[in-house]
Amino acid sequence: EPGAYRVVMDSDGHIFEAKAELADGGRVELNKNQFSAVAPMLSTRRGDEFVPVAQPPLGPNLPAPRRYKDVSFDLVLAPGVRLSGPSDLPIRNHFVLGLVGHSDSLHGVQISLAGNIAQYEMVGAQLFGFYQLSYGPARGAQLASGVNMALGGMRGAQLAGFANVSNGDLRGFQAALVNINRGSLRGAEAGLVNVNAGTMRGVQAGLINLVKSDAHGVQAG
């Protein structure tokens, strides 16, 4: 039947959608590049019995959504439990307060008691709590009493009581007891142990300083 259609795909618990227009007697083929990630929606059974909302997808290497719902302020207890409620689009937060803060995309600040999570990207600051986690690229600052993790690389500063991890290139500064960078470094690392898996252009200051590839700069310790 001709008309506009919304196609939903479930891939290992991750929900994606695409839209298509079907002409009379026509045929439409969709490829994976036409699908974008969306947050699960709340549904009901007969008798208004609520079905629990699926948790938003978490983890590295997920395809980034093409559209977001912008939320200026949100209170978040845990991933999927938020003041702004369920949404058929991933959430792009600008200011988050919570217990375990979670944003699909962060363009602003997260402040939480336990820790903060940004799924696709972090632009701004993740502050306080034991851990800060960005699965995608991070630009700005992560400040934690325990561990900071930027799994898509970091441009900015990571300051932690125990460890900092950048799983890509680091352009900026790491300060903790243990600093680990799995890409190239352009900046500085200060801690008891500093480990860089790529090239280094800058400064490592610590008791143990390790660079896997070329080191250009200062290693003090």
Protein backbone atom coordinates (compact mmCIF):
# COMPACT_ATOMS: atom_id res chain seq x y z
CA GLU A 1 0.00 0.00 0.00
CA PRO A 2 1.52 3.42 -0.90
CA GLY A 3 2.37 5.90 1.86
CA ALA A 4 4.94 6.88 4.47
CA TYR A 5 6.40 4.11 6.63
CA ARG A 6 8.56 4.02 9.77
CA VAL A 7 10.80 0.95 9.88
CA VAL A 8 12.18 -0.20 13.24
CA MET A 9 15.13 -2.58 13.60
CA ASP A 10 16.29 -4.33 16.78
CA SER A 11 19.99 -5.23 16.61
CA ASP A 12 21.17 -7.04 19.77
CA GLY A 13 18.93 -4.91 21.95
CA HIS A 14 19.85 -1.62 20.21
CA ILE A 15 16.90 0.09 18.51
CA PHE A 16 17.28 1.80 15.11
CA GLU A 17 14.72 3.38 12.80
CA ALA A 18 14.41 4.60 9.22
CA LYS A 19 11.64 6.31 7.25
CA ALA A 20 10.59 5.44 3.73
CA GLU A 21 8.05 6.63 1.16
CA LEU A 22 6.41 3.87 -0.87
CA ALA A 23 4.79 4.73 -4.22
CA ASP A 24 1.89 2.79 -5.70
CA GLY A 25 3.31 -0.48 -6.99
CA GLY A 26 6.81 0.58 -5.99
CA ARG A 27 9.53 -1.03 -3.95
CA VAL A 28 12.02 0.50 -1.50
CA GLU A 29 15.26 -1.05 -0.28
CA LEU A 30 16.87 0.26 2.92
CA ASN A 31 20.54 -0.11 3.88
CA LYS A 32 22.06 0.18 7.33
CA ASN A 33 23.30 3.74 6.68
CA GLN A 34 19.69 4.92 6.48
CA PHE A 35 18.95 3.74 10.04
CA SER A 36 19.66 5.94 13.06
CA ALA A 37 19.73 4.94 16.73
CA VAL A 38 16.72 5.82 18.86
CA ALA A 39 15.87 5.38 22.53
CA PRO A 40 13.36 2.65 23.47
CA MET A 41 9.76 3.83 23.92
CA LEU A 42 7.36 3.01 26.73
CA SER A 43 4.50 0.70 25.66
CA THR A 44 1.47 -0.82 27.37
CA ARG A 45 -0.38 -4.13 27.25
CA ARG A 46 -4.11 -4.56 27.51
CA GLY A 47 -5.42 -3.43 30.85
CA ASP A 48 -2.81 -0.61 30.95
CA GLU A 49 -0.16 -2.89 32.38
CA PHE A 50 3.17 -1.09 31.97
CA VAL A 51 6.02 -2.84 30.22
CA PRO A 52 9.42 -1.98 31.74
CA VAL A 53 11.42 0.40 29.57
CA ALA A 54 14.51 -1.21 28.07
CA GLN A 55 17.78 0.31 29.19
CA PRO A 56 19.42 2.67 26.69
CA PRO A 57 22.29 1.10 24.73
CA LEU A 58 25.66 1.40 26.45
CA GLY A 59 29.09 0.57 25.12
CA PRO A 60 31.74 1.68 22.65
CA ASN A 61 31.54 1.66 18.85
CA LEU A 62 27.78 2.20 18.58
CA PRO A 63 26.64 4.16 15.49
CA ALA A 64 26.04 7.80 16.39
CA PRO A 65 22.45 9.05 16.03
CA ARG A 66 21.62 11.63 13.38
CA ARG A 67 18.97 13.34 15.49
CA TYR A 68 18.68 14.16 19.18
CA LYS A 69 16.17 15.57 21.61
CA ASP A 70 17.80 18.57 23.34
CA VAL A 71 17.15 18.77 27.10
CA SER A 72 18.42 21.88 28.88
CA PHE A 73 18.14 20.48 32.43
CA ASP A 74 17.71 16.92 33.66
CA LEU A 75 17.75 14.97 36.91
CA VAL A 76 19.08 11.44 36.31
CA LEU A 77 19.12 8.63 38.90
CA ALA A 78 20.54 6.01 36.51
CA PRO A 79 20.55 5.28 32.77
CA GLY A 80 16.91 5.22 31.67
CA VAL A 81 15.60 6.82 34.89
CA ARG A 82 15.37 10.56 34.31
CA LEU A 83 13.14 13.55 35.00
CA SER A 84 12.72 14.28 31.29
CA GLY A 85 11.06 10.86 30.84
CA PRO A 86 11.10 8.42 27.92
CA SER A 87 11.90 9.75 24.46
CA ASP A 88 11.71 8.32 20.95
CA LEU A 89 14.99 10.15 20.22
CA PRO A 90 18.37 9.94 21.97
CA ILE A 91 18.90 12.69 24.54
CA ARG A 92 21.42 15.50 24.17
CA ASN A 93 21.81 17.04 27.62
CA HIS A 94 23.16 20.47 28.50
CA PHE A 95 23.04 20.28 32.31
CA VAL A 96 22.62 17.08 34.35
CA LEU A 97 22.39 16.52 38.10
CA GLY A 98 22.10 12.99 39.38
CA LEU A 99 23.22 9.86 41.17
CA VAL A 100 24.60 8.15 38.05
CA GLY A 101 24.36 10.76 35.31
CA HIS A 102 23.77 9.51 31.78
CA SER A 103 23.53 11.34 28.46
CA ASP A 104 23.43 9.96 24.96
CA SER A 105 25.26 13.14 24.02
CA LEU A 106 26.59 15.77 26.43
CA HIS A 107 27.06 19.37 25.34
CA GLY A 108 27.43 20.98 28.73
CA VAL A 109 27.94 19.71 32.29
CA GLN A 110 27.19 16.51 34.22
CA ILE A 111 27.42 16.61 38.04
CA SER A 112 26.62 13.37 39.87
CA LEU A 113 27.33 11.66 43.20
CA ALA A 114 28.49 8.26 41.90
CA GLY A 115 29.66 9.01 38.37
CA ASN A 116 28.73 10.16 34.88
CA ILE A 117 28.34 8.45 31.51
CA ALA A 118 28.26 10.00 28.03
CA GLN A 119 27.42 7.48 25.31
CA TYR A 120 28.25 8.98 21.93
CA GLU A 121 30.23 12.16 22.73
CA MET A 122 31.17 14.53 25.54
CA VAL A 123 31.70 18.24 24.93
CA GLY A 124 32.00 20.12 28.21
CA ALA A 125 32.66 18.70 31.68
CA GLN A 126 31.93 15.58 33.75
CA LEU A 127 32.43 16.46 37.40
CA PHE A 128 32.65 14.80 40.82
CA GLY A 129 31.72 11.23 41.71
CA PHE A 130 34.03 8.20 41.66
CA TYR A 131 34.18 7.80 37.88
CA GLN A 132 33.64 9.67 34.62
CA LEU A 133 33.10 7.73 31.38
CA SER A 134 32.82 8.85 27.77
CA TYR A 135 32.39 6.00 25.29
CA GLY A 136 32.90 8.38 22.37
CA PRO A 137 35.29 11.29 21.81
CA ALA A 138 35.65 13.71 24.72
CA ARG A 139 36.42 17.43 24.56
CA GLY A 140 36.65 19.35 27.81
CA ALA A 141 37.33 18.09 31.33
CA GLN A 142 36.79 14.98 33.43
CA LEU A 143 37.21 15.27 37.22
CA ALA A 144 36.77 12.20 39.46
CA SER A 145 37.88 10.90 42.84
CA GLY A 146 38.60 7.50 41.26
CA VAL A 147 38.83 6.93 37.50
CA ASN A 148 38.35 8.91 34.28
CA MET A 149 37.86 7.05 30.98
CA ALA A 150 37.67 8.60 27.52
CA LEU A 151 37.31 5.60 25.20
CA GLY A 152 37.20 7.71 22.04
CA GLY A 153 40.21 9.86 22.83
CA MET A 154 40.52 13.11 24.78
CA ARG A 155 41.04 16.77 24.01
CA GLY A 156 41.29 18.59 27.31
CA ALA A 157 42.08 17.54 30.88
CA GLN A 158 41.59 14.41 32.98
CA LEU A 159 42.12 14.81 36.74
CA ALA A 160 41.56 11.78 38.98
CA GLY A 161 42.49 10.42 42.39
CA PHE A 162 43.53 7.03 41.01
CA ALA A 163 43.67 6.60 37.21
CA ASN A 164 43.08 8.30 33.86
CA VAL A 165 42.55 6.34 30.65
CA SER A 166 42.40 7.71 27.12
CA ASN A 167 41.71 4.99 24.56
CA GLY A 168 42.68 7.23 21.64
CA ASP A 169 44.84 10.25 21.00
CA LEU A 170 45.31 12.64 23.92
CA ARG A 171 45.60 16.36 23.30
CA GLY A 172 45.86 17.93 26.71
CA PHE A 173 46.71 16.89 30.25
CA GLN A 174 46.36 13.86 32.54
CA ALA A 175 47.04 13.95 36.29
CA ALA A 176 46.53 10.89 38.56
CA LEU A 177 48.49 8.11 40.25
CA VAL A 178 48.31 6.13 36.98
CA ASN A 179 47.89 7.69 33.53
CA ILE A 180 47.33 5.50 30.46
CA ASN A 181 47.06 6.75 26.90
CA ARG A 182 46.63 4.23 24.08
CA GLY A 183 47.14 6.75 21.26
CA SER A 184 49.56 9.57 20.61
CA LEU A 185 50.20 12.26 23.22
CA ARG A 186 50.40 15.98 22.59
CA GLY A 187 50.55 17.54 26.03
CA ALA A 188 51.51 16.31 29.49
CA GLU A 189 51.05 13.44 31.91
CA ALA A 190 51.78 13.79 35.63
CA GLY A 191 51.55 10.84 38.01
CA LEU A 192 53.31 7.96 39.70
CA VAL A 193 53.10 5.86 36.51
CA ASN A 194 52.65 7.30 33.01
CA VAL A 195 52.14 4.95 30.05
CA ASN A 196 51.80 6.08 26.44
CA ALA A 197 51.24 3.51 23.66
CA GLY A 198 51.92 5.91 20.78
CA THR A 199 54.24 8.80 20.07
CA MET A 200 54.80 11.51 22.66
CA ARG A 201 55.22 15.23 22.07
CA GLY A 202 55.31 16.95 25.42
CA VAL A 203 56.04 16.06 29.04
CA GLN A 204 55.81 12.98 31.23
CA ALA A 205 56.47 13.60 34.93
CA GLY A 206 56.45 10.55 37.21
CA LEU A 207 58.38 7.76 38.90
CA ILE A 208 57.81 5.49 35.86
CA ASN A 209 57.45 6.98 32.37
CA LEU A 210 56.88 4.67 29.40
CA VAL A 211 56.50 5.52 25.70
CA LYS A 212 56.08 2.73 23.15
CA SER A 213 57.05 4.79 20.11
CA ASP A 214 59.01 8.03 19.56
CA ALA A 215 59.34 10.42 22.48
CA HIS A 216 60.00 14.09 21.80
CA GLY A 217 59.98 16.30 24.87
CA VAL A 218 60.76 15.79 28.55
CA GLN A 219 60.49 12.69 30.72
CA ALA A 220 61.13 13.64 34.33
CA GLY A 221 61.19 11.12 37.15
